[in-house]
C-alpha atoms as a PDB file:
ATOM      1  CA  MET A   1      80.764 -83.927-171.616  1.00  0.00           C
ATOM      2  CA  ALA A   2      81.724 -85.308-168.198  1.00  0.00           C
ATOM      3  CA  PRO A   3      79.624 -88.114-166.759  1.00  0.00           C
ATOM      4  CA  GLN A   4      76.748 -86.696-164.777  1.00  0.00           C
ATOM      5  CA  PRO A   5      76.654 -87.696-161.109  1.00  0.00           C
ATOM      6  CA  LYS A   6      73.536 -89.574-160.040  1.00  0.00           C
ATOM      7  CA  GLY A   7      70.705 -87.308-158.996  1.00  0.00           C
ATOM      8  CA  CYS A   8      72.173 -84.100-160.500  1.00  0.00           C
ATOM      9  CA  GLY A   9      70.121 -81.759-162.592  1.00  0.00           C
ATOM     10  CA  PRO A  10      71.289 -79.543-165.470  1.00  0.00           C
ATOM     11  CA  LYS A  11      72.107 -76.601-163.155  1.00  0.00           C
ATOM     12  CA  ILE A  12      74.486 -78.684-161.045  1.00  0.00           C
ATOM     13  CA  GLN A  13      76.015 -80.192-164.187  1.00  0.00           C
ATOM     14  CA  ALA A  14      76.726 -76.678-165.507  1.00  0.00           C
ATOM     15  CA  LYS A  15      78.480 -75.773-162.223  1.00  0.00           C
ATOM     16  CA  VAL A  16      80.595 -78.929-162.388  1.00  0.00           C
ATOM     17  CA  GLU A  17      81.670 -78.092-165.939  1.00  0.00           C
ATOM     18  CA  GLU A  18      82.555 -74.509-164.904  1.00  0.00           C
ATOM     19  CA  GLU A  19      84.686 -75.784-162.054  1.00  0.00           C
ATOM     20  CA  MET A  20      86.458 -78.190-164.386  1.00  0.00           C
ATOM     21  CA  LYS A  21      87.502 -75.374-166.723  1.00  0.00           C
ATOM     22  CA  GLU A  22      91.163 -74.588-166.286  1.00  0.00           C
ATOM     23  CA  GLN A  23      92.025 -71.360-164.564  1.00  0.00           C
ATOM     24  CA  PRO A  24      94.332 -68.958-166.437  1.00  0.00           C
ATOM     25  CA  PHE A  25      98.014 -69.325-165.558  1.00  0.00           C
ATOM     26  CA  GLU A  26      99.377 -66.616-163.260  1.00  0.00           C
ATOM     27  CA  ASP A  27     103.062 -66.300-162.460  1.00  0.00           C
ATOM     28  CA  VAL A  28     102.991 -65.525-158.747  1.00  0.00           C
ATOM     29  CA  GLN A  29     106.771 -65.544-158.371  1.00  0.00           C
ATOM     30  CA  ALA A  30     107.164 -62.821-160.971  1.00  0.00           C
ATOM     31  CA  VAL A  31     104.769 -60.575-159.054  1.00  0.00           C
ATOM     32  CA  ASP A  32     106.437 -61.211-155.678  1.00  0.00           C
ATOM     33  CA  ALA A  33     110.034 -61.065-156.937  1.00  0.00           C
ATOM     34  CA  ASP A  34     110.443 -57.419-155.878  1.00  0.00           C
ATOM     35  CA  ASP A  35     109.300 -58.040-152.302  1.00  0.00           C
ATOM     36  CA  VAL A  36     111.873 -58.304-149.551  1.00  0.00           C
ATOM     37  CA  PRO A  37     111.606 -61.591-147.626  1.00  0.00           C
ATOM     38  CA  HIS A  38     110.181 -61.055-144.167  1.00  0.00           C
ATOM     39  CA  THR A  39     112.022 -62.492-141.222  1.00  0.00           C
ATOM     40  CA  VAL A  40     110.063 -63.453-138.150  1.00  0.00           C
ATOM     41  CA  ALA A  41     111.381 -62.002-134.921  1.00  0.00           C
ATOM     42  CA  ARG A  42     111.822 -64.671-132.272  1.00  0.00           C
ATOM     43  CA  THR A  43     110.778 -63.770-128.773  1.00  0.00           C
ATOM     44  CA  ARG A  44     111.024 -65.504-125.435  1.00  0.00           C
ATOM     45  CA  SER A  45     108.080 -65.783-123.117  1.00  0.00           C
ATOM     46  CA  ARG A  46     108.170 -63.469-120.120  1.00  0.00           C
ATOM     47  CA  CYS A  47     106.490 -65.915-117.745  1.00  0.00           C
ATOM     48  CA  LEU A  48     106.573 -69.660-117.403  1.00  0.00           C
ATOM     49  CA  PRO A  49     103.249 -71.375-118.103  1.00  0.00           C
ATOM     50  CA  VAL A  50     101.280 -72.422-115.045  1.00  0.00           C
ATOM     51  CA  THR A  51     101.564 -76.116-115.916  1.00  0.00           C
ATOM     52  CA  THR A  52     105.373 -75.992-116.112  1.00  0.00           C
ATOM     53  CA  LYS A  53     107.275 -77.682-113.322  1.00  0.00           C
ATOM     54  CA  ARG A  54     110.901 -76.687-113.091  1.00  0.00           C
ATOM     55  CA  TYR A  55     113.369 -76.380-110.239  1.00  0.00           C
ATOM     56  CA  TRP A  56     114.289 -72.884-109.151  1.00  0.00           C
ATOM     57  CA  SER A  57     117.808 -72.022-110.259  1.00  0.00           C
ATOM     58  CA  SER A  58     120.273 -70.296-107.972  1.00  0.00           C
ATOM     59  CA  ILE A  59     119.952 -67.128-110.070  1.00  0.00           C
ATOM     60  CA  GLU A  60     116.171 -67.129-109.645  1.00  0.00           C
ATOM     61  CA  LEU A  61     116.479 -67.679-105.912  1.00  0.00           C
ATOM     62  CA  SER A  62     118.885 -64.776-105.614  1.00  0.00           C
ATOM     63  CA  LEU A  63     116.306 -62.481-107.252  1.00  0.00           C
ATOM     64  CA  VAL A  64     113.617 -63.197-104.632  1.00  0.00           C
ATOM     65  CA  ASN A  65     113.289 -60.407-102.060  1.00  0.00           C
ATOM     66  CA  VAL A  66     112.717 -62.080 -98.665  1.00  0.00           C
ATOM     67  CA  ASP A  67     112.490 -58.867 -96.656  1.00  0.00           C
ATOM     68  CA  PRO A  68     109.249 -59.166 -94.603  1.00  0.00           C
ATOM     69  CA  LYS A  69     108.752 -55.383 -94.707  1.00  0.00           C
ATOM     70  CA  VAL A  70     108.294 -55.479 -98.498  1.00  0.00           C
ATOM     71  CA  LYS A  71     104.770 -56.243 -99.728  1.00  0.00           C
ATOM     72  CA  LEU A  72     104.228 -59.288-101.911  1.00  0.00           C
ATOM     73  CA  ALA A  73     103.148 -57.258-104.946  1.00  0.00           C
ATOM     74  CA  ASP A  74     106.206 -55.006-104.702  1.00  0.00           C
ATOM     75  CA  ALA A  75     108.552 -57.960-104.235  1.00  0.00           C
ATOM     76  CA  TYR A  76     107.023 -59.701-107.259  1.00  0.00           C
ATOM     77  CA  GLN A  77     107.392 -56.549-109.364  1.00  0.00           C
ATOM     78  CA  GLN A  78     111.075 -56.319-108.381  1.00  0.00           C
ATOM     79  CA  TYR A  79     111.497 -60.014-109.232  1.00  0.00           C
ATOM     80  CA  VAL A  80     109.963 -59.607-112.692  1.00  0.00           C
ATOM     81  CA  GLU A  81     112.158 -56.577-113.451  1.00  0.00           C
ATOM     82  CA  ALA A  82     115.262 -58.446-112.292  1.00  0.00           C
ATOM     83  CA  CYS A  83     114.315 -61.417-114.476  1.00  0.00           C
ATOM     84  CA  ARG A  84     114.036 -59.104-117.488  1.00  0.00           C
ATOM     85  CA  GLN A  85     117.480 -57.680-116.760  1.00  0.00           C
ATOM     86  CA  HIS A  86     118.964 -61.181-116.484  1.00  0.00           C
ATOM     87  CA  GLN A  87     116.993 -62.286-119.574  1.00  0.00           C
ATOM     88  CA  ILE A  88     115.322 -65.258-117.894  1.00  0.00           C
ATOM     89  CA  THR A  89     111.658 -66.154-117.787  1.00  0.00           C
ATOM     90  CA  ALA A  90     109.832 -65.157-114.618  1.00  0.00           C
ATOM     91  CA  ARG A  91     107.513 -67.373-112.604  1.00  0.00           C
ATOM     92  CA  ASN A  92     103.870 -66.495-112.141  1.00  0.00           C
ATOM     93  CA  GLN A  93     102.810 -64.665-108.999  1.00  0.00           C
ATOM     94  CA  LYS A  94     101.438 -67.740-107.240  1.00  0.00           C
ATOM     95  CA  ALA A  95     104.677 -69.692-107.716  1.00  0.00           C
ATOM     96  CA  PHE A  96     106.669 -66.668-106.592  1.00  0.00           C
ATOM     97  CA  HIS A  97     104.489 -66.276-103.510  1.00  0.00           C
ATOM     98  CA  LEU A  98     104.925 -69.941-102.506  1.00  0.00           C
ATOM     99  CA  ARG A  99     108.703 -69.835-102.994  1.00  0.00           C
ATOM    100  CA  ARG A 100     109.052 -66.560-101.094  1.00  0.00           C
ATOM    101  CA  TYR A 101     106.915 -67.936 -98.263  1.00  0.00           C
ATOM    102  CA  LYS A 102     109.129 -71.059 -98.003  1.00  0.00           C
ATOM    103  CA  MET A 103     112.311 -68.986 -98.105  1.00  0.00           C
ATOM    104  CA  MET A 104     111.073 -66.648 -95.354  1.00  0.00           C
ATOM    105  CA  GLN A 105     110.438 -69.511 -92.905  1.00  0.00           C
END
């Protein structure tokens, strides 16, 4: 019999003894041997996080539509689509708006 912890009654002692009993051995590898290993697909983020500070590359700058006749939302949508085609992460709309505003002046 295991030493009884201080302040424990017979019910708690019975639980402690049950927990101390060894569990039956189970060969997990034999059960999972037929399974195909799963590979995790790596993805790139579509937008840069808001807290990220990074210089605009020349490719990114070339994707910005500075035509004043085009609405901001439409220009941003074109920018995001162009970024997907070039496989680069897009900036958020606020960063895009500030850069477009500076380029238009």
